[in-house]
């Protein structure tokens, strides 16, 4: 099995061109937003733990807690395993998030092996961890593994932007959006990146007093 990825902006641009050939309604969006950032990160344990720390928190609050964990040397499986829950709570983690992080450690994911797995296998592996749902797994596929055909149908911004672009009367459910966009394969990651950028433009437009 060959895993399809997008590694460069040049590759992303080629995917956008192919996507527009399939779905021309992306053309005006591309004109507005250009070629979006790939937003790549290094992945691994740190990335998933940081995602867990940031769940349901503002960027500032999540960053503050993460920095406290770094200062306390509590961001590696070894040091966390040796720490008491009280040590983690003292840095700002809730009981629930401590449970999530300990589950991540217990599953001992082989992050190198993920690189060769299919998208569905990666999702299945990651969602075995308590606290990791499909959305988090999709974000890992997109931004840590650079997969080329991921449409984040569970993401609210994607659904709002797709509703606007497709001229729908109401926001589609994840299932409806998945069915409506199957023809965008194998360029759905380009679609996700364009729709996120378009959502940002929509928010900016609504924020400007008229």
C-alpha atoms as a PDB file:
ATOM      1  CA  UNK A   1       0.000   0.000   0.000  1.00  0.00           C
ATOM      2  CA  UNK A   2       1.298   3.442  -0.964  1.00  0.00           C
ATOM      3  CA  UNK A   3       0.513   6.208   1.511  1.00  0.00           C
ATOM      4  CA  UNK A   4      -0.274   9.502  -0.228  1.00  0.00           C
ATOM      5  CA  UNK A   5       1.094  12.641   1.433  1.00  0.00           C
ATOM      6  CA  UNK A   6       1.515  16.349   0.768  1.00  0.00           C
ATOM      7  CA  UNK A   7       5.011  17.484   1.760  1.00  0.00           C
ATOM      8  CA  UNK A   8       5.443  20.858   0.056  1.00  0.00           C
ATOM      9  CA  UNK A   9       3.416  23.899  -0.948  1.00  0.00           C
ATOM     10  CA  UNK A  10       4.158  23.015  -4.569  1.00  0.00           C
ATOM     11  CA  UNK A  11       2.476  19.647  -4.060  1.00  0.00           C
ATOM     12  CA  UNK A  12      -0.434  21.340  -2.281  1.00  0.00           C
ATOM     13  CA  UNK A  13      -0.852  23.753  -5.182  1.00  0.00           C
ATOM     14  CA  UNK A  14      -1.016  20.812  -7.620  1.00  0.00           C
ATOM     15  CA  UNK A  15      -3.649  19.146  -5.437  1.00  0.00           C
ATOM     16  CA  UNK A  16      -5.692  22.365  -5.375  1.00  0.00           C
ATOM     17  CA  UNK A  17      -5.578  22.552  -9.176  1.00  0.00           C
ATOM     18  CA  UNK A  18      -6.814  18.965  -9.419  1.00  0.00           C
ATOM     19  CA  UNK A  19      -9.486  19.615  -6.791  1.00  0.00           C
ATOM     20  CA  UNK A  20     -10.818  22.638  -8.690  1.00  0.00           C
ATOM     21  CA  UNK A  21     -11.091  20.504 -11.823  1.00  0.00           C
ATOM     22  CA  UNK A  22     -13.404  18.189  -9.853  1.00  0.00           C
ATOM     23  CA  UNK A  23     -15.233  20.897  -7.882  1.00  0.00           C
ATOM     24  CA  UNK A  24     -15.083  24.306  -9.633  1.00  0.00           C
ATOM     25  CA  UNK A  25     -16.693  26.063  -6.646  1.00  0.00           C
ATOM     26  CA  UNK A  26     -13.275  25.950  -5.003  1.00  0.00           C
ATOM     27  CA  UNK A  27     -11.882  28.310  -7.665  1.00  0.00           C
ATOM     28  CA  UNK A  28     -13.191  31.585  -6.145  1.00  0.00           C
ATOM     29  CA  UNK A  29     -12.156  30.381  -2.680  1.00  0.00           C
ATOM     30  CA  UNK A  30      -8.645  29.696  -3.940  1.00  0.00           C
ATOM     31  CA  UNK A  31      -8.581  33.195  -5.484  1.00  0.00           C
ATOM     32  CA  UNK A  32      -9.471  34.660  -2.082  1.00  0.00           C
ATOM     33  CA  UNK A  33      -7.174  32.642   0.171  1.00  0.00           C
ATOM     34  CA  UNK A  34      -4.315  31.599  -2.135  1.00  0.00           C
ATOM     35  CA  UNK A  35      -2.311  28.511  -1.174  1.00  0.00           C
ATOM     36  CA  UNK A  36      -2.899  27.838   2.547  1.00  0.00           C
ATOM     37  CA  UNK A  37      -0.171  26.928   4.997  1.00  0.00           C
ATOM     38  CA  UNK A  38       0.437  23.194   5.461  1.00  0.00           C
ATOM     39  CA  UNK A  39       0.554  23.794   9.240  1.00  0.00           C
ATOM     40  CA  UNK A  40       2.784  20.753   9.714  1.00  0.00           C
ATOM     41  CA  UNK A  41       4.000  19.662  13.140  1.00  0.00           C
ATOM     42  CA  UNK A  42       6.383  16.930  14.253  1.00  0.00           C
ATOM     43  CA  UNK A  43       3.727  14.670  15.755  1.00  0.00           C
ATOM     44  CA  UNK A  44       4.520  11.962  18.280  1.00  0.00           C
ATOM     45  CA  UNK A  45       3.687  11.736  21.980  1.00  0.00           C
ATOM     46  CA  UNK A  46       4.317  15.437  22.613  1.00  0.00           C
ATOM     47  CA  UNK A  47       1.852  16.532  19.946  1.00  0.00           C
ATOM     48  CA  UNK A  48      -0.980  14.294  21.162  1.00  0.00           C
ATOM     49  CA  UNK A  49      -0.368  15.186  24.800  1.00  0.00           C
ATOM     50  CA  UNK A  50      -0.379  18.887  23.945  1.00  0.00           C
ATOM     51  CA  UNK A  51      -3.656  18.409  22.056  1.00  0.00           C
ATOM     52  CA  UNK A  52      -5.156  16.751  25.129  1.00  0.00           C
ATOM     53  CA  UNK A  53      -3.949  19.553  27.388  1.00  0.00           C
ATOM     54  CA  UNK A  54      -5.574  22.133  25.113  1.00  0.00           C
ATOM     55  CA  UNK A  55      -8.990  20.494  24.780  1.00  0.00           C
ATOM     56  CA  UNK A  56     -11.826  22.916  25.702  1.00  0.00           C
ATOM     57  CA  UNK A  57      -9.366  25.613  26.773  1.00  0.00           C
ATOM     58  CA  UNK A  58      -8.389  28.944  25.265  1.00  0.00           C
ATOM     59  CA  UNK A  59      -5.055  29.078  23.463  1.00  0.00           C
ATOM     60  CA  UNK A  60      -3.614  31.231  26.260  1.00  0.00           C
ATOM     61  CA  UNK A  61      -4.774  28.904  29.056  1.00  0.00           C
ATOM     62  CA  UNK A  62      -3.533  25.797  27.230  1.00  0.00           C
ATOM     63  CA  UNK A  63      -0.159  27.429  26.561  1.00  0.00           C
ATOM     64  CA  UNK A  64       0.186  28.429  30.209  1.00  0.00           C
ATOM     65  CA  UNK A  65      -0.481  24.895  31.471  1.00  0.00           C
ATOM     66  CA  UNK A  66       1.829  23.362  28.868  1.00  0.00           C
ATOM     67  CA  UNK A  67       4.658  25.721  29.860  1.00  0.00           C
ATOM     68  CA  UNK A  68       4.184  24.776  33.510  1.00  0.00           C
ATOM     69  CA  UNK A  69       4.384  21.092  32.587  1.00  0.00           C
ATOM     70  CA  UNK A  70       7.559  21.718  30.581  1.00  0.00           C
ATOM     71  CA  UNK A  71       9.125  23.638  33.486  1.00  0.00           C
ATOM     72  CA  UNK A  72       8.223  20.757  35.834  1.00  0.00           C
ATOM     73  CA  UNK A  73       9.678  18.187  33.373  1.00  0.00           C
ATOM     74  CA  UNK A  74       6.295  16.481  33.064  1.00  0.00           C
ATOM     75  CA  UNK A  75       5.933  16.068  29.306  1.00  0.00           C
ATOM     76  CA  UNK A  76       7.529  12.648  28.704  1.00  0.00           C
ATOM     77  CA  UNK A  77       6.006   9.208  29.305  1.00  0.00           C
ATOM     78  CA  UNK A  78       8.764   8.364  31.780  1.00  0.00           C
ATOM     79  CA  UNK A  79       8.454  11.430  34.002  1.00  0.00           C
ATOM     80  CA  UNK A  80       4.649  11.403  33.914  1.00  0.00           C
ATOM     81  CA  UNK A  81       4.550   7.691  34.825  1.00  0.00           C
ATOM     82  CA  UNK A  82       6.763   8.405  37.831  1.00  0.00           C
ATOM     83  CA  UNK A  83       4.651  11.391  38.931  1.00  0.00           C
ATOM     84  CA  UNK A  84       1.638  11.359  41.235  1.00  0.00           C
ATOM     85  CA  UNK A  85      -1.689  12.732  40.050  1.00  0.00           C
ATOM     86  CA  UNK A  86      -1.282  15.552  42.578  1.00  0.00           C
ATOM     87  CA  UNK A  87       1.941  16.597  40.828  1.00  0.00           C
ATOM     88  CA  UNK A  88       0.065  16.885  37.524  1.00  0.00           C
ATOM     89  CA  UNK A  89      -2.929  18.663  39.058  1.00  0.00           C
ATOM     90  CA  UNK A  90      -0.541  21.188  40.561  1.00  0.00           C
ATOM     91  CA  UNK A  91       0.422  22.231  37.010  1.00  0.00           C
ATOM     92  CA  UNK A  92      -3.220  22.844  36.071  1.00  0.00           C
ATOM     93  CA  UNK A  93      -4.374  19.500  34.646  1.00  0.00           C
ATOM     94  CA  UNK A  94      -7.880  18.282  35.467  1.00  0.00           C
ATOM     95  CA  UNK A  95      -8.553  14.733  36.685  1.00  0.00           C
ATOM     96  CA  UNK A  96     -10.067  13.933  33.284  1.00  0.00           C
ATOM     97  CA  UNK A  97      -7.022  15.114  31.344  1.00  0.00           C
ATOM     98  CA  UNK A  98      -4.690  13.225  33.647  1.00  0.00           C
ATOM     99  CA  UNK A  99      -6.728  10.102  32.835  1.00  0.00           C
ATOM    100  CA  UNK A 100      -6.401  10.821  29.105  1.00  0.00           C
ATOM    101  CA  UNK A 101      -2.641  11.340  29.281  1.00  0.00           C
ATOM    102  CA  UNK A 102      -2.096   8.186  31.328  1.00  0.00           C
ATOM    103  CA  UNK A 103      -4.153   6.262  28.752  1.00  0.00           C
ATOM    104  CA  UNK A 104      -1.911   7.643  26.007  1.00  0.00           C
ATOM    105  CA  UNK A 105       1.137   6.373  27.886  1.00  0.00           C
ATOM    106  CA  UNK A 106      -0.432   2.956  28.529  1.00  0.00           C
ATOM    107  CA  UNK A 107      -1.145   2.417  24.821  1.00  0.00           C
ATOM    108  CA  UNK A 108       2.545   2.986  23.997  1.00  0.00           C
ATOM    109  CA  UNK A 109       1.836   3.939  20.382  1.00  0.00           C
ATOM    110  CA  UNK A 110       4.561   3.212  17.826  1.00  0.00           C
ATOM    111  CA  UNK A 111       4.530   6.616  16.125  1.00  0.00           C
ATOM    112  CA  UNK A 112       6.995   5.526  13.441  1.00  0.00           C
ATOM    113  CA  UNK A 113       4.700   2.638  12.498  1.00  0.00           C
ATOM    114  CA  UNK A 114       1.805   5.080  12.020  1.00  0.00           C
ATOM    115  CA  UNK A 115       3.616   6.566   9.028  1.00  0.00           C
ATOM    116  CA  UNK A 116       3.124   3.355   7.019  1.00  0.00           C
ATOM    117  CA  UNK A 117      -0.460   2.678   8.126  1.00  0.00           C
ATOM    118  CA  UNK A 118      -3.551   3.490   6.090  1.00  0.00           C
ATOM    119  CA  UNK A 119      -5.637   6.468   7.197  1.00  0.00           C
ATOM    120  CA  UNK A 120      -8.289   4.172   8.676  1.00  0.00           C
ATOM    121  CA  UNK A 121      -5.655   2.151  10.552  1.00  0.00           C
ATOM    122  CA  UNK A 122      -4.198   5.338  12.057  1.00  0.00           C
ATOM    123  CA  UNK A 123      -7.656   6.462  13.177  1.00  0.00           C
ATOM    124  CA  UNK A 124      -8.383   3.046  14.672  1.00  0.00           C
ATOM    125  CA  UNK A 125      -5.036   3.012  16.523  1.00  0.00           C
ATOM    126  CA  UNK A 126      -5.300   6.522  17.930  1.00  0.00           C
ATOM    127  CA  UNK A 127      -8.940   6.315  18.980  1.00  0.00           C
ATOM    128  CA  UNK A 128      -8.142   3.356  21.238  1.00  0.00           C
ATOM    129  CA  UNK A 129      -6.732   5.978  23.607  1.00  0.00           C
ATOM    130  CA  UNK A 130      -9.221   7.474  26.062  1.00  0.00           C
ATOM    131  CA  UNK A 131      -9.699  11.121  25.123  1.00  0.00           C
ATOM    132  CA  UNK A 132      -8.798  10.790  21.436  1.00  0.00           C
ATOM    133  CA  UNK A 133     -11.776  10.932  19.080  1.00  0.00           C
ATOM    134  CA  UNK A 134     -12.033  10.975  15.293  1.00  0.00           C
ATOM    135  CA  UNK A 135     -11.419  14.733  15.092  1.00  0.00           C
ATOM    136  CA  UNK A 136      -8.110  14.510  16.966  1.00  0.00           C
ATOM    137  CA  UNK A 137      -7.081  11.524  14.852  1.00  0.00           C
ATOM    138  CA  UNK A 138      -7.939  13.430  11.663  1.00  0.00           C
ATOM    139  CA  UNK A 139      -5.855  16.399  12.852  1.00  0.00           C
ATOM    140  CA  UNK A 140      -2.920  14.038  13.423  1.00  0.00           C
ATOM    141  CA  UNK A 141      -3.316  12.594   9.932  1.00  0.00           C
ATOM    142  CA  UNK A 142      -3.427  16.052   8.363  1.00  0.00           C
ATOM    143  CA  UNK A 143      -0.828  17.989  10.290  1.00  0.00           C
ATOM    144  CA  UNK A 144       1.538  15.386  11.744  1.00  0.00           C
ATOM    145  CA  UNK A 145       1.536  12.777   8.962  1.00  0.00           C
ATOM    146  CA  UNK A 146       0.691  15.123   6.065  1.00  0.00           C
ATOM    147  CA  UNK A 147      -1.884  12.774   4.558  1.00  0.00           C
ATOM    148  CA  UNK A 148      -3.355  13.912   1.253  1.00  0.00           C
ATOM    149  CA  UNK A 149      -6.981  12.775   1.408  1.00  0.00           C
ATOM    150  CA  UNK A 150      -8.449  13.833   4.768  1.00  0.00           C
ATOM    151  CA  UNK A 151     -11.623  15.897   4.943  1.00  0.00           C
ATOM    152  CA  UNK A 152     -12.242  16.809   8.584  1.00  0.00           C
ATOM    153  CA  UNK A 153     -16.025  16.396   8.445  1.00  0.00           C
ATOM    154  CA  UNK A 154     -16.270  16.503  12.244  1.00  0.00           C
ATOM    155  CA  UNK A 155     -14.778  19.995  12.338  1.00  0.00           C
ATOM    156  CA  UNK A 156     -17.341  22.774  12.848  1.00  0.00           C
ATOM    157  CA  UNK A 157     -15.446  25.342  10.766  1.00  0.00           C
ATOM    158  CA  UNK A 158     -15.202  22.911   7.840  1.00  0.00           C
ATOM    159  CA  UNK A 159     -18.940  22.254   7.969  1.00  0.00           C
ATOM    160  CA  UNK A 160     -19.823  25.955   8.146  1.00  0.00           C
ATOM    161  CA  UNK A 161     -17.513  26.839   5.240  1.00  0.00           C
ATOM    162  CA  UNK A 162     -18.790  23.895   3.174  1.00  0.00           C
ATOM    163  CA  UNK A 163     -22.392  24.988   3.794  1.00  0.00           C
ATOM    164  CA  UNK A 164     -21.563  28.431   2.424  1.00  0.00           C
ATOM    165  CA  UNK A 165     -19.576  27.144  -0.561  1.00  0.00           C
ATOM    166  CA  UNK A 166     -22.116  24.494  -1.542  1.00  0.00           C
ATOM    167  CA  UNK A 167     -25.098  26.822  -1.020  1.00  0.00           C
ATOM    168  CA  UNK A 168     -26.786  24.551   1.503  1.00  0.00           C
ATOM    169  CA  UNK A 169     -29.779  25.718   3.535  1.00  0.00           C
ATOM    170  CA  UNK A 170     -28.339  24.394   6.798  1.00  0.00           C
ATOM    171  CA  UNK A 171     -25.095  23.120   8.205  1.00  0.00           C
ATOM    172  CA  UNK A 172     -24.463  19.529   7.009  1.00  0.00           C
ATOM    173  CA  UNK A 173     -23.917  16.743   9.492  1.00  0.00           C
ATOM    174  CA  UNK A 174     -20.552  14.977   9.312  1.00  0.00           C
ATOM    175  CA  UNK A 175     -22.234  12.030   7.572  1.00  0.00           C
ATOM    176  CA  UNK A 176     -23.985  14.284   5.033  1.00  0.00           C
ATOM    177  CA  UNK A 177     -20.765  16.146   4.290  1.00  0.00           C
ATOM    178  CA  UNK A 178     -18.794  12.924   3.875  1.00  0.00           C
ATOM    179  CA  UNK A 179     -21.343  11.625   1.360  1.00  0.00           C
ATOM    180  CA  UNK A 180     -21.533  14.923  -0.517  1.00  0.00           C
ATOM    181  CA  UNK A 181     -17.760  15.219  -0.934  1.00  0.00           C
ATOM    182  CA  UNK A 182     -16.649  11.703  -1.852  1.00  0.00           C
ATOM    183  CA  UNK A 183     -15.901  12.866  -5.401  1.00  0.00           C
ATOM    184  CA  UNK A 184     -13.241  15.239  -4.013  1.00  0.00           C
ATOM    185  CA  UNK A 185     -10.994  12.243  -3.277  1.00  0.00           C
ATOM    186  CA  UNK A 186      -7.986  11.933  -3.436  1.00  0.00           C
ATOM    187  CA  UNK A 187      -7.589  15.692  -2.840  1.00  0.00           C
ATOM    188  CA  UNK A 188      -9.644  16.144   0.310  1.00  0.00           C
ATOM    189  CA  UNK A 189      -6.790  17.468   2.449  1.00  0.00           C
ATOM    190  CA  UNK A 190      -6.453  20.370   0.016  1.00  0.00           C
ATOM    191  CA  UNK A 191     -10.210  20.867   0.428  1.00  0.00           C
ATOM    192  CA  UNK A 192      -9.861  20.930   4.239  1.00  0.00           C
ATOM    193  CA  UNK A 193      -7.080  23.520   4.127  1.00  0.00           C
ATOM    194  CA  UNK A 194      -8.998  25.727   1.685  1.00  0.00           C
ATOM    195  CA  UNK A 195     -12.214  25.496   3.709  1.00  0.00           C
ATOM    196  CA  UNK A 196     -10.427  26.410   6.950  1.00  0.00           C
ATOM    197  CA  UNK A 197      -8.896  29.457   5.272  1.00  0.00           C
ATOM    198  CA  UNK A 198     -12.272  30.367   3.756  1.00  0.00           C
ATOM    199  CA  UNK A 199     -13.906  30.092   7.186  1.00  0.00           C
ATOM    200  CA  UNK A 200     -11.321  32.560   8.487  1.00  0.00           C
ATOM    201  CA  UNK A 201     -12.235  34.982   5.692  1.00  0.00           C
ATOM    202  CA  UNK A 202     -15.951  34.528   6.497  1.00  0.00           C
ATOM    203  CA  UNK A 203     -15.345  35.369  10.151  1.00  0.00           C
ATOM    204  CA  UNK A 204     -13.289  38.430   9.225  1.00  0.00           C
ATOM    205  CA  UNK A 205     -16.052  39.604   6.898  1.00  0.00           C
ATOM    206  CA  UNK A 206     -18.722  39.222   9.561  1.00  0.00           C
ATOM    207  CA  UNK A 207     -16.544  41.015  12.109  1.00  0.00           C
ATOM    208  CA  UNK A 208     -16.262  44.154   9.957  1.00  0.00           C
ATOM    209  CA  UNK A 209     -19.041  46.633  10.875  1.00  0.00           C
ATOM    210  CA  UNK A 210     -21.132  47.534   7.857  1.00  0.00           C
END
